[in-house]
Amino acid sequence: MLIGYTRISRHEQNQDLQLDTLTQAGCQTINTETMLGAKQHRFELEAARDVKEGV
């Protein structure tokens, strides 16, 4: 199973291109986040990793 993850920094930005690309690549699950800053805790990224690792 392919799992995708997208992140944008601001609500004004658009995730459509990322979502389209991941869907075309065959991702069955796509976790998305909107958050500022590079060092914040990324809950959706961790959730995607947990699914991949079978946690």
PDB file of N, CA and C in Angstrom:
ATOM      1  N   MET A   1       0.848  -1.175   0.000  1.00  0.00           N
ATOM      2  CA  MET A   1       0.000   0.000   0.000  1.00  0.00           C
ATOM      3  C   MET A   1       0.892   1.236   0.000  1.00  0.00           C
ATOM      4  N   LEU A   2       0.620   2.152  -0.898  1.00  0.00           N
ATOM      5  CA  LEU A   2       1.351   3.412  -0.957  1.00  0.00           C
ATOM      6  C   LEU A   2       0.642   4.457  -0.102  1.00  0.00           C
ATOM      7  N   ILE A   3       1.435   5.185   0.675  1.00  0.00           N
ATOM      8  CA  ILE A   3       0.917   6.224   1.556  1.00  0.00           C
ATOM      9  C   ILE A   3       1.594   7.523   1.184  1.00  0.00           C
ATOM     10  N   GLY A   4       0.799   8.588   1.029  1.00  0.00           N
ATOM     11  CA  GLY A   4       1.332   9.887   0.677  1.00  0.00           C
ATOM     12  C   GLY A   4       1.168  10.897   1.800  1.00  0.00           C
ATOM     13  N   TYR A   5       1.926  11.971   1.721  1.00  0.00           N
ATOM     14  CA  TYR A   5       1.875  13.041   2.717  1.00  0.00           C
ATOM     15  C   TYR A   5       2.059  14.371   2.007  1.00  0.00           C
ATOM     16  N   THR A   6       1.209  15.337   2.316  1.00  0.00           N
ATOM     17  CA  THR A   6       1.364  16.690   1.777  1.00  0.00           C
ATOM     18  C   THR A   6       1.351  17.684   2.918  1.00  0.00           C
ATOM     19  N   ARG A   7       2.049  18.791   2.705  1.00  0.00           N
ATOM     20  CA  ARG A   7       2.041  19.867   3.693  1.00  0.00           C
ATOM     21  C   ARG A   7       2.136  21.196   2.967  1.00  0.00           C
ATOM     22  N   ILE A   8       1.331  22.121   3.412  1.00  0.00           N
ATOM     23  CA  ILE A   8       1.445  23.493   2.945  1.00  0.00           C
ATOM     24  C   ILE A   8       1.625  24.365   4.175  1.00  0.00           C
ATOM     25  N   SER A   9       2.150  25.571   3.980  1.00  0.00           N
ATOM     26  CA  SER A   9       2.438  26.460   5.099  1.00  0.00           C
ATOM     27  C   SER A   9       1.278  27.373   5.465  1.00  0.00           C
ATOM     28  N   ARG A  10       0.457  27.691   4.490  1.00  0.00           N
ATOM     29  CA  ARG A  10      -0.628  28.639   4.742  1.00  0.00           C
ATOM     30  C   ARG A  10      -1.915  28.142   4.093  1.00  0.00           C
ATOM     31  N   HIS A  11      -3.021  28.536   4.686  1.00  0.00           N
ATOM     32  CA  HIS A  11      -4.320  28.142   4.147  1.00  0.00           C
ATOM     33  C   HIS A  11      -4.555  28.723   2.754  1.00  0.00           C
ATOM     34  N   GLU A  12      -3.857  29.805   2.414  1.00  0.00           N
ATOM     35  CA  GLU A  12      -4.024  30.408   1.087  1.00  0.00           C
ATOM     36  C   GLU A  12      -3.379  29.553   0.000  1.00  0.00           C
ATOM     37  N   GLN A  13      -2.464  28.673   0.380  1.00  0.00           N
ATOM     38  CA  GLN A  13      -1.806  27.811  -0.589  1.00  0.00           C
ATOM     39  C   GLN A  13      -2.737  26.658  -0.957  1.00  0.00           C
ATOM     40  N   ASN A  14      -2.380  25.969  -2.025  1.00  0.00           N
ATOM     41  CA  ASN A  14      -3.247  24.932  -2.554  1.00  0.00           C
ATOM     42  C   ASN A  14      -2.493  23.603  -2.629  1.00  0.00           C
ATOM     43  N   GLN A  15      -3.101  22.548  -2.129  1.00  0.00           N
ATOM     44  CA  GLN A  15      -2.490  21.224  -2.146  1.00  0.00           C
ATOM     45  C   GLN A  15      -2.890  20.400  -3.360  1.00  0.00           C
ATOM     46  N   ASP A  16      -3.675  20.953  -4.250  1.00  0.00           N
ATOM     47  CA  ASP A  16      -4.214  20.170  -5.360  1.00  0.00           C
ATOM     48  C   ASP A  16      -3.143  19.469  -6.193  1.00  0.00           C
ATOM     49  N   LEU A  17      -2.067  20.168  -6.528  1.00  0.00           N
ATOM     50  CA  LEU A  17      -1.015  19.555  -7.343  1.00  0.00           C
ATOM     51  C   LEU A  17      -0.376  18.380  -6.606  1.00  0.00           C
ATOM     52  N   GLN A  18      -0.099  18.559  -5.318  1.00  0.00           N
ATOM     53  CA  GLN A  18       0.476  17.474  -4.528  1.00  0.00           C
ATOM     54  C   GLN A  18      -0.483  16.283  -4.463  1.00  0.00           C
ATOM     55  N   LEU A  19      -1.756  16.573  -4.210  1.00  0.00           N
ATOM     56  CA  LEU A  19      -2.752  15.506  -4.119  1.00  0.00           C
ATOM     57  C   LEU A  19      -2.916  14.767  -5.448  1.00  0.00           C
ATOM     58  N   ASP A  20      -2.966  15.515  -6.545  1.00  0.00           N
ATOM     59  CA  ASP A  20      -3.073  14.893  -7.868  1.00  0.00           C
ATOM     60  C   ASP A  20      -1.886  13.981  -8.149  1.00  0.00           C
ATOM     61  N   THR A  21      -0.689  14.459  -7.838  1.00  0.00           N
ATOM     62  CA  THR A  21       0.518  13.684  -8.095  1.00  0.00           C
ATOM     63  C   THR A  21       0.533  12.399  -7.274  1.00  0.00           C
ATOM     64  N   LEU A  22       0.176  12.502  -6.003  1.00  0.00           N
ATOM     65  CA  LEU A  22       0.166  11.309  -5.153  1.00  0.00           C
ATOM     66  C   LEU A  22      -0.921  10.321  -5.572  1.00  0.00           C
ATOM     67  N   THR A  23      -2.066  10.838  -5.982  1.00  0.00           N
ATOM     68  CA  THR A  23      -3.144   9.972  -6.454  1.00  0.00           C
ATOM     69  C   THR A  23      -2.725   9.245  -7.728  1.00  0.00           C
ATOM     70  N   GLN A  24      -2.109   9.977  -8.654  1.00  0.00           N
ATOM     71  CA  GLN A  24      -1.645   9.353  -9.898  1.00  0.00           C
ATOM     72  C   GLN A  24      -0.547   8.329  -9.641  1.00  0.00           C
ATOM     73  N   ALA A  25       0.214   8.526  -8.585  1.00  0.00           N
ATOM     74  CA  ALA A  25       1.277   7.582  -8.235  1.00  0.00           C
ATOM     75  C   ALA A  25       0.714   6.319  -7.589  1.00  0.00           C
ATOM     76  N   GLY A  26      -0.572   6.345  -7.258  1.00  0.00           N
ATOM     77  CA  GLY A  26      -1.205   5.156  -6.707  1.00  0.00           C
ATOM     78  C   GLY A  26      -1.358   5.143  -5.198  1.00  0.00           C
ATOM     79  N   CYS A  27      -1.171   6.293  -4.548  1.00  0.00           N
ATOM     80  CA  CYS A  27      -1.330   6.341  -3.092  1.00  0.00           C
ATOM     81  C   CYS A  27      -2.787   6.083  -2.726  1.00  0.00           C
ATOM     82  N   GLN A  28      -2.974   5.168  -1.800  1.00  0.00           N
ATOM     83  CA  GLN A  28      -4.323   4.830  -1.352  1.00  0.00           C
ATOM     84  C   GLN A  28      -4.712   5.636  -0.119  1.00  0.00           C
ATOM     85  N   THR A  29      -3.728   6.093   0.627  1.00  0.00           N
ATOM     86  CA  THR A  29      -3.943   6.932   1.791  1.00  0.00           C
ATOM     87  C   THR A  29      -3.071   8.161   1.639  1.00  0.00           C
ATOM     88  N   ILE A  30      -3.645   9.345   1.838  1.00  0.00           N
ATOM     89  CA  ILE A  30      -2.886  10.590   1.750  1.00  0.00           C
ATOM     90  C   ILE A  30      -3.198  11.413   2.991  1.00  0.00           C
ATOM     91  N   ASN A  31      -2.173  11.674   3.789  1.00  0.00           N
ATOM     92  CA  ASN A  31      -2.302  12.509   4.970  1.00  0.00           C
ATOM     93  C   ASN A  31      -1.909  13.936   4.592  1.00  0.00           C
ATOM     94  N   THR A  32      -2.689  14.922   5.031  1.00  0.00           N
ATOM     95  CA  THR A  32      -2.417  16.311   4.673  1.00  0.00           C
ATOM     96  C   THR A  32      -2.344  17.177   5.919  1.00  0.00           C
ATOM     97  N   GLU A  33      -1.499  18.210   5.850  1.00  0.00           N
ATOM     98  CA  GLU A  33      -1.366  19.168   6.946  1.00  0.00           C
ATOM     99  C   GLU A  33      -1.168  20.566   6.403  1.00  0.00           C
ATOM    100  N   THR A  34      -1.590  21.518   7.203  1.00  0.00           N
ATOM    101  CA  THR A  34      -1.288  22.917   6.964  1.00  0.00           C
ATOM    102  C   THR A  34      -0.630  23.432   8.232  1.00  0.00           C
ATOM    103  N   MET A  35       0.651  23.809   8.131  1.00  0.00           N
ATOM    104  CA  MET A  35       1.335  24.294   9.321  1.00  0.00           C
ATOM    105  C   MET A  35       2.522  25.151   8.944  1.00  0.00           C
ATOM    106  N   LEU A  36       2.754  26.162   9.733  1.00  0.00           N
ATOM    107  CA  LEU A  36       3.891  27.049   9.547  1.00  0.00           C
ATOM    108  C   LEU A  36       5.117  26.469  10.234  1.00  0.00           C
ATOM    109  N   GLY A  37       6.269  26.783   9.702  1.00  0.00           N
ATOM    110  CA  GLY A  37       7.516  26.420  10.357  1.00  0.00           C
ATOM    111  C   GLY A  37       7.998  25.033  10.029  1.00  0.00           C
ATOM    112  N   ALA A  38       9.307  24.882  10.057  1.00  0.00           N
ATOM    113  CA  ALA A  38       9.914  23.612   9.685  1.00  0.00           C
ATOM    114  C   ALA A  38      10.054  22.658  10.864  1.00  0.00           C
ATOM    115  N   LYS A  39      10.028  23.164  12.088  1.00  0.00           N
ATOM    116  CA  LYS A  39      10.358  22.317  13.226  1.00  0.00           C
ATOM    117  C   LYS A  39       9.162  21.952  14.089  1.00  0.00           C
ATOM    118  N   GLN A  40       7.967  22.242  13.643  1.00  0.00           N
ATOM    119  CA  GLN A  40       6.790  21.881  14.420  1.00  0.00           C
ATOM    120  C   GLN A  40       6.536  20.388  14.337  1.00  0.00           C
ATOM    121  N   HIS A  41       5.855  19.882  15.342  1.00  0.00           N
ATOM    122  CA  HIS A  41       5.476  18.469  15.372  1.00  0.00           C
ATOM    123  C   HIS A  41       4.474  18.209  14.246  1.00  0.00           C
ATOM    124  N   ARG A  42       4.737  17.241  13.419  1.00  0.00           N
ATOM    125  CA  ARG A  42       3.878  16.935  12.270  1.00  0.00           C
ATOM    126  C   ARG A  42       3.106  15.646  12.537  1.00  0.00           C
ATOM    127  N   PHE A  43       1.902  15.808  13.061  1.00  0.00           N
ATOM    128  CA  PHE A  43       1.085  14.671  13.448  1.00  0.00           C
ATOM    129  C   PHE A  43       0.726  13.783  12.259  1.00  0.00           C
ATOM    130  N   GLU A  44       0.366  14.386  11.139  1.00  0.00           N
ATOM    131  CA  GLU A  44      -0.045  13.602   9.968  1.00  0.00           C
ATOM    132  C   GLU A  44       1.129  12.848   9.346  1.00  0.00           C
ATOM    133  N   LEU A  45       2.303  13.433   9.381  1.00  0.00           N
ATOM    134  CA  LEU A  45       3.488  12.731   8.873  1.00  0.00           C
ATOM    135  C   LEU A  45       3.780  11.517   9.746  1.00  0.00           C
ATOM    136  N   GLU A  46       3.693  11.691  11.048  1.00  0.00           N
ATOM    137  CA  GLU A  46       3.909  10.560  11.941  1.00  0.00           C
ATOM    138  C   GLU A  46       2.839   9.486  11.750  1.00  0.00           C
ATOM    139  N   ALA A  47       1.602   9.894  11.517  1.00  0.00           N
ATOM    140  CA  ALA A  47       0.527   8.932  11.279  1.00  0.00           C
ATOM    141  C   ALA A  47       0.807   8.136  10.008  1.00  0.00           C
ATOM    142  N   ALA A  48       1.287   8.805   8.970  1.00  0.00           N
ATOM    143  CA  ALA A  48       1.618   8.114   7.718  1.00  0.00           C
ATOM    144  C   ALA A  48       2.761   7.121   7.943  1.00  0.00           C
ATOM    145  N   ARG A  49       3.743   7.516   8.717  1.00  0.00           N
ATOM    146  CA  ARG A  49       4.864   6.612   9.020  1.00  0.00           C
ATOM    147  C   ARG A  49       4.389   5.415   9.837  1.00  0.00           C
ATOM    148  N   ASP A  50       3.500   5.657  10.788  1.00  0.00           N
ATOM    149  CA  ASP A  50       3.000   4.564  11.617  1.00  0.00           C
ATOM    150  C   ASP A  50       2.259   3.521  10.783  1.00  0.00           C
ATOM    151  N   VAL A  51       1.461   3.982   9.825  1.00  0.00           N
ATOM    152  CA  VAL A  51       0.726   3.057   8.949  1.00  0.00           C
ATOM    153  C   VAL A  51       1.720   2.251   8.126  1.00  0.00           C
ATOM    154  N   LYS A  52       2.720   2.927   7.592  1.00  0.00           N
ATOM    155  CA  LYS A  52       3.722   2.251   6.765  1.00  0.00           C
ATOM    156  C   LYS A  52       4.467   1.196   7.560  1.00  0.00           C
ATOM    157  N   GLU A  53       4.769   1.498   8.825  1.00  0.00           N
ATOM    158  CA  GLU A  53       5.542   0.570   9.659  1.00  0.00           C
ATOM    159  C   GLU A  53       4.661  -0.467  10.333  1.00  0.00           C
ATOM    160  N   GLY A  54       3.339  -0.324  10.199  1.00  0.00           N
ATOM    161  CA  GLY A  54       2.428  -1.285  10.782  1.00  0.00           C
ATOM    162  C   GLY A  54       2.184  -1.101  12.269  1.00  0.00           C
ATOM    163  N   VAL A  55       2.391   0.112  12.747  1.00  0.00           N
ATOM    164  CA  VAL A  55       2.172   0.390  14.176  1.00  0.00           C
ATOM    165  C   VAL A  55       0.715   0.575  14.465  1.00  0.00           C
TER     166      VAL A  55
END
